[in-house]
């Protein structure tokens, strides 16, 4: 990255950074580098798919951790998040939380 800061057109450094980001599973960074390199659409699609899958997995893990935290707090009161339902109001777009 430092070499690219000094010389943004340094293709060899950009290729190596893209490859390093792929090995580190930094799919979004690898995709950005691939776009700068103007790689074939198939390669861009592969990196884009991997980035979307990683984002979905990260989001699912974060929600699971948050649900675990919520359940640990609510367990002190004999409740869990499964005792509640969230409904979206179609008119205002707001959410309502109700006990089941």
N, C-alpha and C. Protein backbone atom coordinates (compact mmCIF):
# COMPACT_ATOMS: atom_id res chain seq x y z
N UNK A 1 0.81 -1.20 0.00
CA UNK A 1 0.00 0.00 0.00
C UNK A 1 0.86 1.26 0.00
N UNK A 2 1.99 1.21 0.69
CA UNK A 2 2.86 2.39 0.73
C UNK A 2 3.43 2.68 -0.65
N UNK A 3 3.79 1.63 -1.39
CA UNK A 3 4.32 1.83 -2.75
C UNK A 3 3.26 2.47 -3.63
N UNK A 4 2.00 2.10 -3.43
CA UNK A 4 0.92 2.68 -4.24
C UNK A 4 0.62 4.12 -3.81
N UNK A 5 0.88 4.44 -2.54
CA UNK A 5 0.73 5.83 -2.11
C UNK A 5 1.73 6.72 -2.82
N UNK A 6 2.94 6.18 -3.02
CA UNK A 6 3.99 6.95 -3.69
C UNK A 6 3.80 6.98 -5.20
N UNK A 7 3.32 5.84 -5.75
CA UNK A 7 3.15 5.74 -7.20
C UNK A 7 1.87 4.95 -7.49
N UNK A 8 0.72 5.64 -7.61
CA UNK A 8 -0.56 4.96 -7.81
C UNK A 8 -0.62 4.09 -9.07
N UNK A 9 0.25 4.31 -10.03
CA UNK A 9 0.23 3.54 -11.26
C UNK A 9 1.13 2.31 -11.22
N UNK A 10 1.63 1.95 -10.07
CA UNK A 10 2.56 0.82 -9.94
C UNK A 10 1.75 -0.48 -9.97
N UNK A 11 1.63 -1.06 -11.16
CA UNK A 11 0.76 -2.21 -11.40
C UNK A 11 1.21 -3.43 -10.61
N UNK A 12 2.51 -3.68 -10.56
CA UNK A 12 3.01 -4.86 -9.87
C UNK A 12 2.62 -4.83 -8.38
N UNK A 13 2.72 -3.66 -7.76
CA UNK A 13 2.33 -3.53 -6.35
C UNK A 13 0.83 -3.73 -6.19
N UNK A 14 0.05 -3.24 -7.13
CA UNK A 14 -1.40 -3.39 -7.06
C UNK A 14 -1.80 -4.86 -7.20
N UNK A 15 -1.15 -5.58 -8.09
CA UNK A 15 -1.43 -7.01 -8.27
C UNK A 15 -1.08 -7.76 -7.00
N UNK A 16 0.08 -7.46 -6.42
CA UNK A 16 0.49 -8.15 -5.20
C UNK A 16 -0.45 -7.83 -4.03
N UNK A 17 -0.89 -6.57 -3.94
CA UNK A 17 -1.82 -6.22 -2.86
C UNK A 17 -3.15 -6.94 -3.04
N UNK A 18 -3.63 -7.04 -4.29
CA UNK A 18 -4.87 -7.77 -4.54
C UNK A 18 -4.74 -9.23 -4.12
N UNK A 19 -3.63 -9.84 -4.47
CA UNK A 19 -3.41 -11.25 -4.11
C UNK A 19 -3.31 -11.41 -2.59
N UNK A 20 -2.64 -10.48 -1.93
CA UNK A 20 -2.53 -10.54 -0.47
C UNK A 20 -3.89 -10.38 0.19
N UNK A 21 -4.68 -9.46 -0.34
CA UNK A 21 -6.02 -9.27 0.22
C UNK A 21 -6.88 -10.50 0.03
N UNK A 22 -6.73 -11.18 -1.09
CA UNK A 22 -7.48 -12.43 -1.31
C UNK A 22 -7.07 -13.48 -0.29
N UNK A 23 -5.77 -13.62 -0.04
CA UNK A 23 -5.30 -14.61 0.93
C UNK A 23 -5.79 -14.29 2.34
N UNK A 24 -5.97 -13.00 2.63
CA UNK A 24 -6.46 -12.59 3.94
C UNK A 24 -7.99 -12.55 4.01
N UNK A 25 -8.65 -12.93 2.93
CA UNK A 25 -10.11 -12.92 2.82
C UNK A 25 -10.68 -11.52 2.94
N UNK A 26 -9.91 -10.51 2.51
CA UNK A 26 -10.40 -9.14 2.42
C UNK A 26 -10.95 -8.97 1.01
N UNK A 27 -12.13 -9.55 0.79
CA UNK A 27 -12.69 -9.63 -0.55
C UNK A 27 -13.06 -8.26 -1.11
N UNK A 28 -13.54 -7.37 -0.26
CA UNK A 28 -13.92 -6.04 -0.73
C UNK A 28 -12.68 -5.28 -1.21
N UNK A 29 -11.59 -5.36 -0.45
CA UNK A 29 -10.35 -4.70 -0.87
C UNK A 29 -9.79 -5.31 -2.14
N UNK A 30 -9.85 -6.64 -2.24
CA UNK A 30 -9.37 -7.31 -3.45
C UNK A 30 -10.21 -6.90 -4.66
N UNK A 31 -11.51 -6.74 -4.45
CA UNK A 31 -12.40 -6.32 -5.54
C UNK A 31 -12.05 -4.91 -6.01
N UNK A 32 -11.79 -4.01 -5.06
CA UNK A 32 -11.41 -2.63 -5.43
C UNK A 32 -10.11 -2.62 -6.25
N UNK A 33 -9.14 -3.43 -5.81
CA UNK A 33 -7.89 -3.51 -6.56
C UNK A 33 -8.11 -4.12 -7.94
N UNK A 34 -8.95 -5.14 -8.03
CA UNK A 34 -9.24 -5.77 -9.32
C UNK A 34 -9.90 -4.79 -10.29
N UNK A 35 -10.76 -3.93 -9.77
CA UNK A 35 -11.40 -2.93 -10.62
C UNK A 35 -10.36 -1.95 -11.17
N UNK A 36 -9.39 -1.57 -10.32
CA UNK A 36 -8.34 -0.66 -10.78
C UNK A 36 -7.47 -1.33 -11.84
N UNK A 37 -7.30 -2.64 -11.72
CA UNK A 37 -6.50 -3.37 -12.68
C UNK A 37 -7.26 -3.69 -13.96
N UNK A 38 -8.55 -3.42 -13.97
CA UNK A 38 -9.41 -3.70 -15.13
C UNK A 38 -9.34 -5.18 -15.51
N UNK A 39 -9.52 -6.03 -14.51
CA UNK A 39 -9.50 -7.47 -14.75
C UNK A 39 -10.78 -7.91 -15.45
N UNK A 40 -10.80 -9.11 -16.02
CA UNK A 40 -11.99 -9.59 -16.75
C UNK A 40 -13.24 -9.65 -15.86
N UNK A 41 -14.40 -9.50 -16.47
CA UNK A 41 -15.65 -9.52 -15.71
C UNK A 41 -15.84 -10.78 -14.86
N UNK A 42 -15.35 -11.91 -15.31
CA UNK A 42 -15.51 -13.15 -14.55
C UNK A 42 -14.76 -13.05 -13.22
N UNK A 43 -13.57 -12.46 -13.24
CA UNK A 43 -12.79 -12.28 -12.01
C UNK A 43 -13.48 -11.28 -11.08
N UNK A 44 -14.00 -10.21 -11.64
CA UNK A 44 -14.72 -9.22 -10.83
C UNK A 44 -15.96 -9.84 -10.20
N UNK A 45 -16.65 -10.67 -10.96
CA UNK A 45 -17.85 -11.34 -10.46
C UNK A 45 -17.49 -12.29 -9.32
N UNK A 46 -16.40 -13.04 -9.48
CA UNK A 46 -15.96 -13.98 -8.44
C UNK A 46 -15.65 -13.24 -7.13
N UNK A 47 -14.92 -12.13 -7.25
CA UNK A 47 -14.57 -11.36 -6.05
C UNK A 47 -15.80 -10.68 -5.44
N UNK A 48 -16.69 -10.21 -6.29
CA UNK A 48 -17.91 -9.56 -5.81
C UNK A 48 -18.78 -10.56 -5.05
N UNK A 49 -18.90 -11.76 -5.58
CA UNK A 49 -19.68 -12.81 -4.92
C UNK A 49 -19.07 -13.17 -3.57
N UNK A 50 -17.76 -13.31 -3.54
CA UNK A 50 -17.07 -13.63 -2.28
C UNK A 50 -17.26 -12.51 -1.26
N UNK A 51 -17.20 -11.25 -1.71
CA UNK A 51 -17.38 -10.11 -0.81
C UNK A 51 -18.80 -10.10 -0.24
N UNK A 52 -19.79 -10.39 -1.07
CA UNK A 52 -21.18 -10.41 -0.61
C UNK A 52 -21.41 -11.55 0.38
N UNK A 53 -20.81 -12.71 0.12
CA UNK A 53 -20.96 -13.84 1.03
C UNK A 53 -20.33 -13.54 2.39
N UNK A 54 -19.15 -12.91 2.36
CA UNK A 54 -18.48 -12.56 3.62
C UNK A 54 -19.30 -11.54 4.40
N UNK A 55 -19.85 -10.57 3.70
CA UNK A 55 -20.68 -9.56 4.35
C UNK A 55 -21.91 -10.20 4.99
N UNK A 56 -22.54 -11.13 4.29
CA UNK A 56 -23.72 -11.81 4.83
C UNK A 56 -23.34 -12.65 6.05
N UNK A 57 -22.21 -13.33 5.98
CA UNK A 57 -21.75 -14.14 7.11
C UNK A 57 -21.43 -13.26 8.32
N UNK A 58 -20.74 -12.15 8.07
CA UNK A 58 -20.41 -11.22 9.16
C UNK A 58 -21.67 -10.65 9.79
N UNK A 59 -22.66 -10.30 8.96
CA UNK A 59 -23.91 -9.75 9.48
C UNK A 59 -24.64 -10.78 10.32
N UNK A 60 -24.65 -12.04 9.86
CA UNK A 60 -25.32 -13.11 10.59
C UNK A 60 -24.63 -13.36 11.93
N UNK A 61 -23.30 -13.34 11.95
CA UNK A 61 -22.56 -13.54 13.19
C UNK A 61 -22.82 -12.40 14.17
N UNK A 62 -22.87 -11.16 13.66
CA UNK A 62 -23.13 -10.01 14.52
C UNK A 62 -24.53 -10.08 15.12
N UNK A 63 -25.51 -10.45 14.30
CA UNK A 63 -26.88 -10.56 14.81
C UNK A 63 -27.00 -11.67 15.84
N UNK A 64 -26.30 -12.76 15.62
CA UNK A 64 -26.31 -13.86 16.58
C UNK A 64 -25.70 -13.43 17.91
N UNK A 65 -24.60 -12.68 17.84
CA UNK A 65 -23.96 -12.19 19.06
C UNK A 65 -24.87 -11.20 19.79
N UNK A 66 -25.54 -10.33 19.03
CA UNK A 66 -26.46 -9.37 19.66
C UNK A 66 -27.65 -10.07 20.29
N UNK A 67 -28.16 -11.10 19.62
CA UNK A 67 -29.28 -11.86 20.17
C UNK A 67 -28.85 -12.56 21.45
N UNK A 68 -27.64 -13.10 21.46
CA UNK A 68 -27.12 -13.74 22.67
C UNK A 68 -27.00 -12.74 23.81
N UNK A 69 -26.53 -11.54 23.52
CA UNK A 69 -26.42 -10.50 24.55
C UNK A 69 -27.81 -10.12 25.06
N UNK A 70 -28.75 -9.93 24.15
CA UNK A 70 -30.12 -9.59 24.56
C UNK A 70 -30.74 -10.68 25.41
N UNK A 71 -30.54 -11.93 25.02
CA UNK A 71 -31.09 -13.04 25.79
C UNK A 71 -30.43 -13.15 27.16
N UNK A 72 -29.13 -12.86 27.25
CA UNK A 72 -28.47 -12.93 28.56
C UNK A 72 -29.00 -11.86 29.50
N UNK A 73 -29.35 -10.70 28.98
CA UNK A 73 -29.92 -9.64 29.82
C UNK A 73 -31.36 -9.97 30.19
N UNK A 74 -32.15 -10.39 29.21
CA UNK A 74 -33.56 -10.69 29.47
C UNK A 74 -33.74 -11.93 30.34
N UNK A 75 -32.76 -12.84 30.36
CA UNK A 75 -32.89 -14.05 31.18
C UNK A 75 -32.97 -13.71 32.67
N UNK A 76 -32.44 -12.56 33.05
CA UNK A 76 -32.55 -12.12 34.45
C UNK A 76 -34.00 -11.86 34.84
N UNK A 77 -34.85 -11.63 33.87
CA UNK A 77 -36.26 -11.35 34.11
C UNK A 77 -37.16 -12.50 33.67
N UNK A 78 -36.56 -13.64 33.33
CA UNK A 78 -37.32 -14.81 32.91
C UNK A 78 -37.88 -14.70 31.51
N UNK A 79 -37.23 -13.90 30.66
CA UNK A 79 -37.70 -13.71 29.29
C UNK A 79 -36.57 -13.97 28.31
N UNK A 80 -36.92 -14.01 27.02
CA UNK A 80 -35.93 -14.08 25.96
C UNK A 80 -36.44 -13.27 24.77
N UNK A 81 -35.61 -13.07 23.80
CA UNK A 81 -36.03 -12.31 22.62
C UNK A 81 -37.11 -13.04 21.83
N UNK A 82 -37.21 -14.35 22.03
CA UNK A 82 -38.26 -15.12 21.36
C UNK A 82 -39.65 -14.78 21.89
N UNK A 83 -39.72 -14.09 23.03
CA UNK A 83 -41.00 -13.68 23.61
C UNK A 83 -41.56 -12.42 22.95
N UNK A 84 -40.81 -11.83 22.02
CA UNK A 84 -41.21 -10.57 21.40
C UNK A 84 -41.34 -10.74 19.90
N UNK A 85 -42.21 -9.91 19.30
CA UNK A 85 -42.39 -9.88 17.85
C UNK A 85 -42.23 -8.44 17.38
N UNK A 86 -41.57 -8.26 16.26
CA UNK A 86 -41.37 -6.94 15.67
C UNK A 86 -42.20 -6.87 14.40
N UNK A 87 -43.02 -5.83 14.33
CA UNK A 87 -43.88 -5.62 13.16
C UNK A 87 -43.59 -4.26 12.55
N UNK A 88 -43.52 -4.22 11.22
CA UNK A 88 -43.29 -2.96 10.53
C UNK A 88 -44.62 -2.35 10.12
N UNK A 89 -44.81 -1.08 10.46
CA UNK A 89 -46.02 -0.37 10.08
C UNK A 89 -45.89 0.04 8.61
N UNK A 90 -46.78 -0.46 7.74
CA UNK A 90 -46.65 -0.16 6.31
C UNK A 90 -46.86 1.32 5.98
N UNK A 91 -47.60 2.04 6.81
CA UNK A 91 -47.88 3.45 6.53
C UNK A 91 -46.70 4.35 6.85
N UNK A 92 -46.13 4.17 8.05
CA UNK A 92 -45.06 5.07 8.47
C UNK A 92 -43.67 4.49 8.28
N UNK A 93 -43.57 3.16 8.16
CA UNK A 93 -42.26 2.53 8.02
C UNK A 93 -41.58 2.30 9.36
N UNK A 94 -42.26 2.67 10.45
CA UNK A 94 -41.68 2.47 11.77
C UNK A 94 -41.92 1.02 12.22
N UNK A 95 -41.22 0.63 13.27
CA UNK A 95 -41.33 -0.74 13.79
C UNK A 95 -41.99 -0.70 15.15
N UNK A 96 -42.82 -1.70 15.43
CA UNK A 96 -43.47 -1.87 16.73
C UNK A 96 -43.00 -3.18 17.34
N UNK A 97 -42.67 -3.14 18.61
CA UNK A 97 -42.25 -4.33 19.33
C UNK A 97 -43.38 -4.74 20.26
N UNK A 98 -43.83 -5.97 20.13
CA UNK A 98 -44.94 -6.46 20.96
C UNK A 98 -44.54 -7.78 21.59
N UNK A 99 -45.08 -8.03 22.78
CA UNK A 99 -44.88 -9.34 23.41
C UNK A 99 -45.81 -10.32 22.77
N UNK A 100 -45.34 -11.55 22.59
CA UNK A 100 -46.18 -12.61 22.00
C UNK A 100 -47.12 -13.17 23.03
